[in-house]
Protein backbone atom coordinates (compact mmCIF):
# COMPACT_ATOMS: atom_id res chain seq x y z
CA UNK A 1 -17.58 -46.68 -15.70
CA UNK A 2 -17.80 -43.39 -17.45
CA UNK A 3 -14.83 -42.37 -19.60
CA UNK A 4 -13.44 -38.90 -19.15
CA UNK A 5 -12.74 -36.95 -22.32
CA UNK A 6 -10.58 -34.42 -20.52
CA UNK A 7 -7.61 -36.66 -19.93
CA UNK A 8 -6.33 -36.75 -23.54
CA UNK A 9 -6.86 -33.00 -23.83
CA UNK A 10 -4.79 -32.38 -20.73
CA UNK A 11 -2.03 -34.57 -22.06
CA UNK A 12 -2.10 -32.78 -25.38
CA UNK A 13 -2.19 -29.37 -23.70
CA UNK A 14 0.70 -30.27 -21.43
CA UNK A 15 2.79 -31.36 -24.42
CA UNK A 16 1.67 -28.43 -26.58
CA UNK A 17 3.96 -25.76 -25.13
CA UNK A 18 6.96 -28.06 -25.68
CA UNK A 19 5.93 -28.72 -29.27
CA UNK A 20 5.21 -25.05 -29.80
CA UNK A 21 8.55 -24.06 -28.31
CA UNK A 22 10.30 -26.62 -30.49
CA UNK A 23 8.56 -25.30 -33.62
CA UNK A 24 9.38 -21.71 -32.67
CA UNK A 25 13.02 -22.66 -32.13
CA UNK A 26 13.10 -24.41 -35.50
CA UNK A 27 11.59 -21.32 -37.14
CA UNK A 28 14.23 -19.12 -35.50
CA UNK A 29 16.97 -21.45 -36.70
CA UNK A 30 15.56 -21.44 -40.24
CA UNK A 31 15.40 -17.65 -40.21
CA UNK A 32 18.94 -17.48 -38.84
CA UNK A 33 20.26 -19.72 -41.63
CA UNK A 34 18.34 -17.72 -44.25
CA UNK A 35 19.95 -14.51 -43.00
CA UNK A 36 23.34 -16.21 -42.93
CA UNK A 37 22.84 -17.30 -46.54
CA UNK A 38 21.98 -13.75 -47.60
CA UNK A 39 25.05 -12.44 -45.80
CA UNK A 40 27.28 -15.02 -47.50
CA UNK A 41 25.80 -14.09 -50.88
CA UNK A 42 26.50 -10.40 -50.27
CA UNK A 43 30.06 -11.06 -49.13
CA UNK A 44 30.68 -13.30 -52.13
CA UNK A 45 29.36 -10.59 -54.46
CA UNK A 46 31.55 -7.93 -52.86
CA UNK A 47 34.64 -10.14 -53.25
CA UNK A 48 33.93 -11.22 -56.82
CA UNK A 49 33.43 -7.70 -58.23
CA UNK A 50 36.97 -6.44 -57.49
CA UNK A 51 38.44 -9.80 -58.51
CA UNK A 52 36.68 -9.57 -61.87
CA UNK A 53 38.18 -6.12 -62.44
CA UNK A 54 41.65 -7.40 -61.52
CA UNK A 55 41.31 -10.37 -63.88
CA UNK A 56 40.20 -8.06 -66.68
CA UNK A 57 43.21 -5.79 -66.20
CA UNK A 58 45.60 -8.75 -65.99
CA UNK A 59 44.17 -10.02 -69.28
CA UNK A 60 44.77 -6.58 -70.82
CA UNK A 61 48.35 -6.61 -69.53
CA UNK A 62 48.88 -10.08 -70.93
CA UNK A 63 47.64 -8.98 -74.37
CA UNK A 64 49.84 -5.89 -74.26
CA UNK A 65 52.97 -7.87 -73.40
CA UNK A 66 52.31 -10.46 -76.12
CA UNK A 67 52.25 -7.88 -78.89
CA UNK A 68 54.25 -4.91 -77.65
CA UNK A 69 53.94 -1.58 -79.41
CA UNK A 70 55.67 1.76 -78.93
CA UNK A 71 52.87 2.79 -76.55
CA UNK A 72 53.06 -0.46 -74.54
CA UNK A 73 54.99 1.06 -71.65
CA UNK A 74 52.37 3.77 -71.17
CA UNK A 75 49.49 1.27 -71.50
CA UNK A 76 51.07 -1.09 -68.97
CA UNK A 77 51.68 1.79 -66.56
CA UNK A 78 48.06 2.98 -66.93
CA UNK A 79 46.69 -0.53 -66.43
CA UNK A 80 48.85 -1.07 -63.34
CA UNK A 81 47.67 2.25 -61.93
CA UNK A 82 44.03 1.18 -62.46
CA UNK A 83 44.68 -2.12 -60.68
CA UNK A 84 46.20 -0.28 -57.69
CA UNK A 85 43.24 2.09 -57.31
């Protein structure tokens, strides 16, 4: 009996679109998560920048209230105005 070499190829070809579709779906998911990671990084950066400025001004206010001087009221008012804007 002669063995046919087409049978395994047909089986492989019939499974190939499923494997290809699965790999394409996995690639889409990986790309989706990469984009999500970049978005999270950008959002985190945009949140941390204003927070850093607020922390800096709070530190300045803390220093000013520890050692008050005649100009302390004006310095505190200026620092509070910078925090608000």
